[in-house]
């Protein structure tokens, strides 16, 4: 018993030490680097991307600086608005369809609630179920009698073996 307690206490101390060391390593993961190496090329690329955000000049502007004047910008904006309207209309035609009348519901209603509907005689349906119950009981009675006979036979054989 003492050996078991000693083994268990050593195991608990070992697991405690393991959790303390793992908690220390988890605390260091909060930095932004997460252990990734930053090469000089990465840092240079980051600096140039910050500069490019403020001033972006395309190749077309370099080749033809007067191409994008107010008039051309207005024409481009009107074309963009027309394209947006066309896409909206197309989306409405494709995705929003007019609601069609539900013919299945109407057909089901007509078949269930027709004018020539007749009620079946309730006595006839009860007689059918009584006949089925009678057949079940007619089959079950011999089965139960056979089961009881088999049990009695087994008890008789056991008693006979014990008395011998």
Protein backbone atom coordinates (compact mmCIF):
# COMPACT_ATOMS: atom_id res chain seq x y z
CA UNK A 1 0.00 0.00 0.00
CA UNK A 2 2.86 2.36 0.84
CA UNK A 3 4.49 1.63 -2.50
CA UNK A 4 1.26 2.50 -4.30
CA UNK A 5 0.94 5.79 -2.41
CA UNK A 6 4.60 6.61 -3.12
CA UNK A 7 4.19 5.86 -6.85
CA UNK A 8 1.03 7.93 -7.01
CA UNK A 9 2.66 10.92 -5.25
CA UNK A 10 5.66 10.77 -7.62
CA UNK A 11 3.27 10.72 -10.57
CA UNK A 12 1.37 13.75 -9.23
CA UNK A 13 4.60 15.72 -8.68
CA UNK A 14 5.82 14.83 -12.18
CA UNK A 15 2.53 15.92 -13.80
CA UNK A 16 2.57 19.14 -11.75
CA UNK A 17 6.06 19.98 -13.01
CA UNK A 18 5.00 19.27 -16.58
CA UNK A 19 2.01 21.60 -16.35
CA UNK A 20 4.09 24.42 -14.87
CA UNK A 21 6.61 24.24 -17.72
CA UNK A 22 3.89 24.06 -20.36
CA UNK A 23 2.09 27.10 -18.91
CA UNK A 24 5.32 29.11 -19.17
CA UNK A 25 5.73 28.20 -22.83
CA UNK A 26 2.09 29.06 -23.57
CA UNK A 27 2.52 32.52 -22.05
CA UNK A 28 5.17 33.42 -24.63
CA UNK A 29 2.83 32.77 -27.58
CA UNK A 30 1.01 36.08 -27.17
CA UNK A 31 3.55 38.01 -29.26
CA UNK A 32 2.79 39.04 -32.83
CA UNK A 33 5.64 37.04 -34.35
CA UNK A 34 4.59 33.59 -33.16
CA UNK A 35 8.12 32.38 -33.96
CA UNK A 36 8.13 33.45 -37.59
CA UNK A 37 11.40 34.70 -39.06
CA UNK A 38 11.38 38.19 -40.50
CA UNK A 39 13.94 38.50 -43.22
CA UNK A 40 15.17 41.85 -44.53
CA UNK A 41 13.18 41.37 -47.71
CA UNK A 42 9.96 40.96 -45.73
CA UNK A 43 10.58 44.16 -43.78
CA UNK A 44 11.44 46.09 -46.95
CA UNK A 45 8.25 44.84 -48.58
CA UNK A 46 6.20 45.96 -45.58
CA UNK A 47 7.67 49.47 -45.69
CA UNK A 48 7.06 49.88 -49.41
CA UNK A 49 3.49 48.62 -49.10
CA UNK A 50 2.79 51.32 -46.52
CA UNK A 51 4.12 53.98 -48.88
CA UNK A 52 2.12 52.61 -51.81
CA UNK A 53 -1.13 52.82 -49.88
CA UNK A 54 -0.97 56.60 -49.85
CA UNK A 55 0.14 57.13 -53.43
CA UNK A 56 -0.84 54.64 -56.10
CA UNK A 57 -0.14 55.64 -59.66
CA UNK A 58 -1.05 53.20 -62.39
CA UNK A 59 0.80 52.65 -65.63
CA UNK A 60 -2.01 54.33 -67.59
CA UNK A 61 -1.64 57.49 -65.52
CA UNK A 62 2.09 57.50 -66.20
CA UNK A 63 1.60 57.11 -69.95
CA UNK A 64 -1.35 59.50 -70.38
CA UNK A 65 -1.75 61.83 -67.38
CA UNK A 66 -4.66 63.81 -68.86
CA UNK A 67 -6.67 60.67 -69.63
CA UNK A 68 -8.48 60.63 -66.31
CA UNK A 69 -10.06 64.04 -66.16
CA UNK A 70 -13.38 64.90 -64.55
CA UNK A 71 -15.29 64.22 -67.74
CA UNK A 72 -13.89 60.75 -68.21
CA UNK A 73 -14.35 59.97 -64.52
CA UNK A 74 -18.02 61.02 -64.77
CA UNK A 75 -18.48 58.84 -67.86
CA UNK A 76 -16.88 55.90 -66.08
CA UNK A 77 -19.13 56.40 -63.05
CA UNK A 78 -22.26 56.48 -65.21
CA UNK A 79 -21.17 53.28 -66.97
CA UNK A 80 -20.58 51.65 -63.60
CA UNK A 81 -24.03 52.71 -62.37
CA UNK A 82 -25.64 51.32 -65.53
CA UNK A 83 -23.76 48.05 -65.10
CA UNK A 84 -24.88 47.83 -61.45
CA UNK A 85 -28.50 48.44 -62.44
CA UNK A 86 -28.28 45.78 -65.13
CA UNK A 87 -26.84 43.27 -62.68
CA UNK A 88 -29.57 44.07 -60.14
CA UNK A 89 -32.26 43.51 -62.78
CA UNK A 90 -30.61 40.27 -63.82
CA UNK A 91 -30.42 39.10 -60.20
CA UNK A 92 -34.10 39.91 -59.71
CA UNK A 93 -35.03 37.96 -62.82
CA UNK A 94 -32.86 34.99 -61.92
CA UNK A 95 -33.33 34.67 -58.17
CA UNK A 96 -36.71 36.20 -57.42
CA UNK A 97 -39.50 34.41 -59.20
CA UNK A 98 -43.14 35.33 -58.95
CA UNK A 99 -45.03 33.12 -56.56
CA UNK A 100 -47.03 30.51 -58.41
CA UNK A 101 -50.29 29.22 -57.07
CA UNK A 102 -49.90 25.99 -55.19
CA UNK A 103 -51.76 23.49 -57.35
CA UNK A 104 -50.82 20.50 -55.21
CA UNK A 105 -52.63 21.97 -52.22
CA UNK A 106 -55.72 22.70 -54.28
CA UNK A 107 -55.73 19.18 -55.79
CA UNK A 108 -55.36 17.58 -52.37
CA UNK A 109 -58.18 19.69 -51.01
CA UNK A 110 -60.46 18.67 -53.87
CA UNK A 111 -59.74 14.97 -53.44
CA UNK A 112 -60.16 15.01 -49.67
CA UNK A 113 -63.24 17.19 -49.50
CA UNK A 114 -65.12 16.21 -52.63
CA UNK A 115 -68.90 16.62 -52.91
CA UNK A 116 -69.53 12.88 -53.49
CA UNK A 117 -67.76 11.78 -50.30
CA UNK A 118 -69.51 8.92 -48.46
CA UNK A 119 -68.90 7.74 -44.91
CA UNK A 120 -68.13 4.06 -44.43
CA UNK A 121 -70.12 2.00 -41.98
CA UNK A 122 -68.37 1.98 -38.62
CA UNK A 123 -69.66 -1.51 -37.69
CA UNK A 124 -67.98 -3.10 -40.71
CA UNK A 125 -64.58 -1.71 -39.77
CA UNK A 126 -64.99 -2.90 -36.13
CA UNK A 127 -65.82 -6.43 -37.31
CA UNK A 128 -62.60 -6.57 -39.32
CA UNK A 129 -60.50 -5.62 -36.30
CA UNK A 130 -62.34 -8.11 -34.07
CA UNK A 131 -61.63 -10.90 -36.55
CA UNK A 132 -57.93 -10.01 -36.54
CA UNK A 133 -57.86 -10.05 -32.75
CA UNK A 134 -59.61 -13.42 -32.76
CA UNK A 135 -56.98 -14.87 -35.09
CA UNK A 136 -54.22 -13.61 -32.82
CA UNK A 137 -55.77 -15.18 -29.76
CA UNK A 138 -56.39 -18.45 -31.62
CA UNK A 139 -52.70 -18.63 -32.48
CA UNK A 140 -51.44 -17.51 -29.09
CA UNK A 141 -53.36 -20.01 -26.94
CA UNK A 142 -51.65 -23.16 -28.33
CA UNK A 143 -48.27 -21.43 -28.19
CA UNK A 144 -48.74 -20.56 -24.52
CA UNK A 145 -49.92 -24.09 -23.72
CA UNK A 146 -46.83 -25.51 -25.41
CA UNK A 147 -44.54 -23.15 -23.48
CA UNK A 148 -46.12 -24.09 -20.14
CA UNK A 149 -45.86 -27.79 -20.99
CA UNK A 150 -42.17 -27.41 -21.87
CA UNK A 151 -41.49 -25.60 -18.59
CA UNK A 152 -43.33 -28.27 -16.58
CA UNK A 153 -41.40 -31.00 -18.38
CA UNK A 154 -38.11 -29.28 -17.58
CA UNK A 155 -39.02 -28.98 -13.90
CA UNK A 156 -40.06 -32.65 -13.83
CA UNK A 157 -36.74 -33.76 -15.34
CA UNK A 158 -34.76 -31.61 -12.86
CA UNK A 159 -36.65 -33.03 -9.87
CA UNK A 160 -36.11 -36.57 -11.09
CA UNK A 161 -32.35 -36.05 -11.41
CA UNK A 162 -32.17 -34.57 -7.91
CA UNK A 163 -34.06 -37.47 -6.35
CA UNK A 164 -31.84 -40.13 -7.94
